[in-house]
Every structure is written in structure tokens, then in C-alpha cells.
N, C-alpha and C. Protein backbone atom coordinates (compact mmCIF):
# COMPACT_ATOMS: atom_id res chain seq x y z
N MET A 1 79.72 107.78 70.20
CA MET A 1 79.70 106.13 70.45
C MET A 1 81.10 105.75 69.91
N THR A 2 81.74 105.12 71.21
CA THR A 2 82.48 104.62 71.10
C THR A 2 82.44 102.56 70.47
N THR A 3 83.50 102.15 70.01
CA THR A 3 83.55 101.35 68.88
C THR A 3 84.72 100.44 70.07
N SER A 4 83.80 99.30 70.31
CA SER A 4 84.51 98.07 70.96
C SER A 4 86.12 97.71 69.89
N GLN A 5 87.17 97.32 70.78
CA GLN A 5 88.20 97.25 70.25
C GLN A 5 88.42 95.25 70.35
N SER A 6 88.91 94.95 69.39
CA SER A 6 89.31 93.29 70.06
C SER A 6 90.50 92.93 71.07
N PRO A 7 90.31 91.81 71.59
CA PRO A 7 91.26 91.96 72.70
C PRO A 7 92.85 91.94 71.93
N GLU A 8 93.36 91.45 71.11
CA GLU A 8 94.62 91.73 70.20
C GLU A 8 95.13 92.84 70.01
N SER A 9 94.08 93.47 69.55
CA SER A 9 94.37 94.93 68.98
C SER A 9 94.63 95.67 70.69
N ILE A 10 93.58 95.77 71.63
CA ILE A 10 93.91 96.49 72.98
C ILE A 10 95.60 95.66 73.25
N LEU A 11 96.54 94.72 73.22
CA LEU A 11 97.27 94.47 73.55
C LEU A 11 98.44 94.93 72.89
N GLU A 12 98.05 95.15 71.66
CA GLU A 12 99.11 95.33 70.64
C GLU A 12 98.94 97.12 70.75
N ASP A 13 98.33 97.89 71.20
CA ASP A 13 98.32 99.02 71.63
C ASP A 13 98.54 99.30 72.54
N ALA A 14 99.11 98.27 73.66
CA ALA A 14 99.54 98.39 75.19
C ALA A 14 100.82 98.06 74.62
N PHE A 15 101.52 97.86 74.24
CA PHE A 15 102.65 96.82 73.58
C PHE A 15 103.72 98.39 73.02
N ARG A 16 102.64 98.97 72.33
CA ARG A 16 103.54 99.58 71.38
C ARG A 16 103.30 101.33 72.22
N ARG A 17 103.06 101.10 73.18
CA ARG A 17 102.78 102.29 73.76
C ARG A 17 104.35 102.06 75.08
N LEU A 18 104.34 100.69 75.66
CA LEU A 18 105.45 100.33 76.72
C LEU A 18 106.47 100.69 75.50
N ARG A 19 106.36 99.98 74.55
CA ARG A 19 107.60 99.86 73.90
C ARG A 19 108.24 101.69 73.04
N ASP A 20 107.29 102.68 73.21
CA ASP A 20 108.08 103.62 72.41
C ASP A 20 108.11 104.52 74.17
N SER A 21 107.87 104.04 75.41
CA SER A 21 108.19 104.51 76.45
C SER A 21 109.97 104.73 76.92
N VAL A 22 110.26 103.67 76.49
CA VAL A 22 111.88 103.07 76.43
C VAL A 22 113.06 103.39 75.34
N SER A 23 113.90 103.52 75.48
CA SER A 23 114.93 103.45 74.25
C SER A 23 115.22 102.28 73.80
N PRO A 24 115.66 103.19 72.35
CA PRO A 24 116.16 101.55 71.31
C PRO A 24 117.00 101.01 72.49
N SER A 25 117.52 101.07 73.16
CA SER A 25 118.73 100.62 73.65
C SER A 25 118.18 99.81 74.75
N ASP A 26 117.09 99.93 75.15
CA ASP A 26 116.29 99.55 76.32
C ASP A 26 115.87 98.63 75.73
N ALA A 27 115.17 99.31 74.62
CA ALA A 27 113.89 97.98 74.01
C ALA A 27 114.95 96.72 73.11
N LEU A 28 115.90 97.23 73.07
CA LEU A 28 116.77 96.07 72.76
C LEU A 28 117.67 95.15 73.72
N SER A 29 117.66 95.39 74.92
CA SER A 29 118.15 94.60 75.51
C SER A 29 117.37 93.82 76.44
N PHE A 30 115.96 94.16 76.58
CA PHE A 30 114.36 93.22 77.17
C PHE A 30 114.69 92.26 76.44
N GLN A 31 114.67 92.22 74.81
CA GLN A 31 114.46 91.19 74.10
C GLN A 31 115.34 90.53 73.69
N ASN A 32 117.13 90.77 74.72
CA ASN A 32 117.39 89.85 74.58
C ASN A 32 118.05 89.69 76.07
N THR A 33 117.71 89.41 77.03
CA THR A 33 117.91 89.91 78.58
C THR A 33 117.74 88.09 79.31
N GLU A 34 118.52 87.71 79.94
CA GLU A 34 118.24 86.45 80.55
C GLU A 34 118.50 86.28 81.63
N LEU A 35 117.46 84.96 82.35
CA LEU A 35 117.27 85.36 83.96
C LEU A 35 118.61 84.81 84.51
N LYS A 36 119.67 84.71 84.00
CA LYS A 36 121.16 84.48 84.23
C LYS A 36 121.64 86.17 84.85
N GLU A 37 121.58 86.74 83.46
CA GLU A 37 121.30 87.97 83.81
C GLU A 37 120.91 89.34 84.90
N VAL A 38 119.73 88.53 85.28
CA VAL A 38 119.06 89.59 86.18
C VAL A 38 119.07 88.56 87.46
N TRP A 39 119.55 87.55 87.52
CA TRP A 39 120.42 86.73 88.99
C TRP A 39 121.95 88.01 88.97
N ASP A 40 122.18 88.47 88.29
CA ASP A 40 123.67 88.68 88.42
C ASP A 40 123.45 90.11 88.54
N ALA A 41 122.56 90.83 87.92
CA ALA A 41 122.19 92.80 88.47
C ALA A 41 121.43 92.34 89.85
N ALA A 42 121.02 91.44 90.34
CA ALA A 42 120.59 91.51 91.49
C ALA A 42 120.99 91.70 92.47
N GLU A 43 122.26 90.57 92.16
CA GLU A 43 123.59 90.67 92.97
C GLU A 43 124.64 91.81 93.04
N GLU A 44 124.77 92.20 92.01
CA GLU A 44 125.38 93.60 91.64
C GLU A 44 124.98 94.29 92.48
N ILE A 45 123.33 94.59 92.53
CA ILE A 45 123.22 95.56 92.82
C ILE A 45 122.97 95.41 94.62
N GLN A 46 122.90 94.27 94.85
CA GLN A 46 123.02 93.93 96.79
C GLN A 46 124.60 94.62 96.93
N LYS A 47 125.52 94.38 95.82
CA LYS A 47 127.10 94.60 96.65
C LYS A 47 127.21 95.90 96.58
N HIS A 48 126.73 96.82 95.77
CA HIS A 48 126.90 97.68 95.99
C HIS A 48 125.44 98.40 97.32
N GLN A 49 125.02 98.15 97.56
CA GLN A 49 124.00 98.76 98.91
C GLN A 49 125.14 98.08 99.82
N GLN A 50 125.55 97.23 100.49
CA GLN A 50 126.44 96.81 101.29
C GLN A 50 126.89 97.36 101.29
N GLN A 51 127.66 98.26 100.06
CA GLN A 51 129.10 99.00 100.39
C GLN A 51 129.15 99.91 100.95
N ARG A 52 127.16 100.85 100.60
CA ARG A 52 127.40 101.92 100.85
C ARG A 52 126.55 102.09 102.19
N GLN A 53 125.92 101.05 102.74
CA GLN A 53 125.63 100.87 103.87
C GLN A 53 123.92 100.69 103.82
N SER A 54 123.48 100.51 103.03
CA SER A 54 122.11 100.42 102.45
C SER A 54 121.42 99.72 102.61
N LEU A 55 121.58 98.55 102.41
CA LEU A 55 121.17 97.11 101.82
C LEU A 55 119.17 97.39 102.03
N LYS A 56 118.59 96.64 101.07
CA LYS A 56 117.47 96.51 100.80
C LYS A 56 116.94 95.54 100.74
N ALA A 57 117.02 94.78 101.59
CA ALA A 57 116.52 93.14 101.50
C ALA A 57 116.42 92.53 100.04
N LEU A 58 116.81 92.44 99.10
CA LEU A 58 116.98 92.03 97.83
C LEU A 58 116.74 90.86 97.56
N SER A 59 116.99 90.14 99.15
CA SER A 59 116.92 87.98 99.21
C SER A 59 115.42 88.31 99.10
N ARG A 60 114.06 89.37 98.99
CA ARG A 60 112.82 88.74 99.20
C ARG A 60 112.76 88.70 96.97
N LEU A 61 113.76 89.19 96.44
CA LEU A 61 113.42 88.38 95.26
C LEU A 61 114.11 87.01 94.96
N LYS A 62 114.36 86.59 95.78
CA LYS A 62 115.08 85.00 95.23
C LYS A 62 114.14 84.58 94.93
N PRO A 63 112.74 83.93 95.65
CA PRO A 63 111.52 83.24 95.32
C PRO A 63 111.29 83.53 94.43
N LEU A 64 110.95 84.87 93.73
CA LEU A 64 110.35 85.22 92.39
C LEU A 64 111.52 84.65 91.20
N LEU A 65 112.52 84.46 91.36
CA LEU A 65 114.04 84.27 90.44
C LEU A 65 113.93 83.07 90.30
N GLU A 66 113.59 82.46 91.76
CA GLU A 66 113.91 80.81 91.54
C GLU A 66 112.26 80.15 90.95
N THR A 67 110.84 80.92 90.85
CA THR A 67 110.04 80.43 90.24
C THR A 67 110.10 80.57 88.97
N LEU A 68 111.01 82.02 88.43
CA LEU A 68 111.24 82.04 87.41
C LEU A 68 112.00 80.87 86.56
N GLU A 69 112.87 80.68 87.35
CA GLU A 69 113.95 79.76 87.04
C GLU A 69 113.03 78.46 86.42
N ARG A 70 112.37 77.80 87.94
CA ARG A 70 111.79 76.67 87.31
C ARG A 70 110.72 76.71 86.38
N TYR A 71 110.29 77.65 85.81
CA TYR A 71 109.81 77.99 84.57
C TYR A 71 109.70 78.31 83.31
N SER A 72 110.99 78.95 83.56
CA SER A 72 111.66 79.07 82.47
C SER A 72 111.84 78.80 81.37
N ARG A 73 111.18 77.45 80.98
CA ARG A 73 111.01 76.70 79.29
C ARG A 73 109.53 77.09 79.06
N THR A 74 108.65 76.74 80.03
CA THR A 74 107.54 77.19 79.57
C THR A 74 107.40 78.70 79.46
N ILE A 75 108.14 79.94 80.04
CA ILE A 75 108.06 81.29 80.10
C ILE A 75 109.14 81.29 78.05
N GLU A 76 109.83 80.78 78.34
CA GLU A 76 110.88 80.82 76.67
C GLU A 76 109.59 80.85 75.70
N VAL A 77 108.83 79.35 75.92
CA VAL A 77 107.88 79.36 74.28
C VAL A 77 106.80 79.96 74.26
N LEU A 78 106.16 80.84 75.54
CA LEU A 78 105.21 81.68 75.40
C LEU A 78 105.87 82.93 74.80
N CYS A 79 106.79 83.14 75.69
CA CYS A 79 107.87 84.45 74.92
C CYS A 79 107.96 84.33 73.60
N ASN A 80 108.57 83.15 72.66
CA ASN A 80 108.87 83.34 71.28
C ASN A 80 107.40 83.39 70.90
N GLY A 81 105.83 83.00 71.17
CA GLY A 81 104.58 83.01 70.72
C GLY A 81 104.40 84.34 70.20
N THR A 82 104.70 85.95 71.58
CA THR A 82 104.33 86.86 70.72
C THR A 82 105.86 87.61 71.21
N PRO A 83 105.48 89.02 70.32
CA PRO A 83 106.70 89.60 70.68
C PRO A 83 105.96 90.98 72.03
N TYR A 84 105.07 90.79 72.52
CA TYR A 84 105.13 91.73 73.87
C TYR A 84 105.35 91.12 75.26
N LEU A 85 105.05 89.40 75.45
CA LEU A 85 105.94 88.82 76.53
C LEU A 85 106.99 89.11 77.07
N PRO A 86 107.76 88.91 76.41
CA PRO A 86 108.95 89.41 77.09
C PRO A 86 109.67 90.77 78.07
N TRP A 87 109.02 91.29 77.54
CA TRP A 87 108.88 92.90 77.77
C TRP A 87 107.91 92.55 79.44
N ILE A 88 106.52 92.01 79.16
CA ILE A 88 106.13 92.10 80.30
C ILE A 88 106.96 91.39 81.53
N TRP A 89 107.24 90.51 81.30
CA TRP A 89 108.53 89.76 82.05
C TRP A 89 109.37 90.94 82.77
N VAL A 90 110.35 91.72 81.47
CA VAL A 90 111.44 92.45 82.05
C VAL A 90 110.98 93.60 82.70
N SER A 91 109.70 94.64 82.27
CA SER A 91 109.54 95.81 82.20
C SER A 91 109.34 95.70 83.88
N PRO A 92 109.39 95.21 85.08
CA PRO A 92 109.35 96.03 86.55
C PRO A 92 110.79 96.18 86.49
N MET A 93 112.19 95.55 86.05
CA MET A 93 113.07 95.33 86.44
C MET A 93 113.52 96.79 86.31
N PRO A 94 113.20 97.64 85.71
CA PRO A 94 114.39 99.53 85.89
C PRO A 94 113.80 99.87 87.47
N ARG A 95 112.61 99.34 87.84
CA ARG A 95 112.17 100.03 88.84
C ARG A 95 113.10 99.61 89.55
N LEU A 96 113.42 97.89 90.24
CA LEU A 96 114.21 97.48 91.06
C LEU A 96 115.47 98.74 91.34
N VAL A 97 115.88 98.92 90.39
CA VAL A 97 117.02 99.81 90.37
C VAL A 97 117.37 101.07 90.85
N GLY A 98 116.39 101.69 90.46
CA GLY A 98 115.85 103.21 90.95
C GLY A 98 115.69 103.65 92.22
């Protein structure tokens, strides 16, 4: 027989598994990353791609980053209210680099 979990325990379990899947230094970085740093990283990636002549249309990220910037105050308040929300916002970013 399966016991049902509360939504809170499901989120806490998922967060714990996500947190455990990254290195401690990356975990700390996730907690302290600001949107300006994401913009800077995207620009740096684009520069490297131009130098290698392998540009990957990072301009598609611009609308996302601009929208995040527009809602940054709201996102900041939400992130302060939970331990896992900052991770949700940041967790896709490492895949962009790879």
C-alpha cells in the first residue's frame, strides 16, 4: 500500500535530490547568483563562440533574461520565501554552457 505524501514533502524531497546532485561550490553559487552575472556569462559564452566561429544564437536568451529582469523584484521575494526556488531559476543555466 502506498502512502500519499503532502505537496510540501514532495517539494522538499525533490529539492534535496537536486541539491545533492551538484557540488557544494555550485550549490553556494546557485544561492548567490544575480541576474547581472547571468547576463555577463551569456555575453562571455557568445564571445568565446564567436572566436571559435561556432556562434549558437544566444540571442534567443535575451527575451528570457529581459523578462526575468522585469520581474526580478517579484522573483527575489519568492526566492526569499523558499529554500528551493532559487535553484529552480538557476538549475537550467549549467546546461546552456555544456
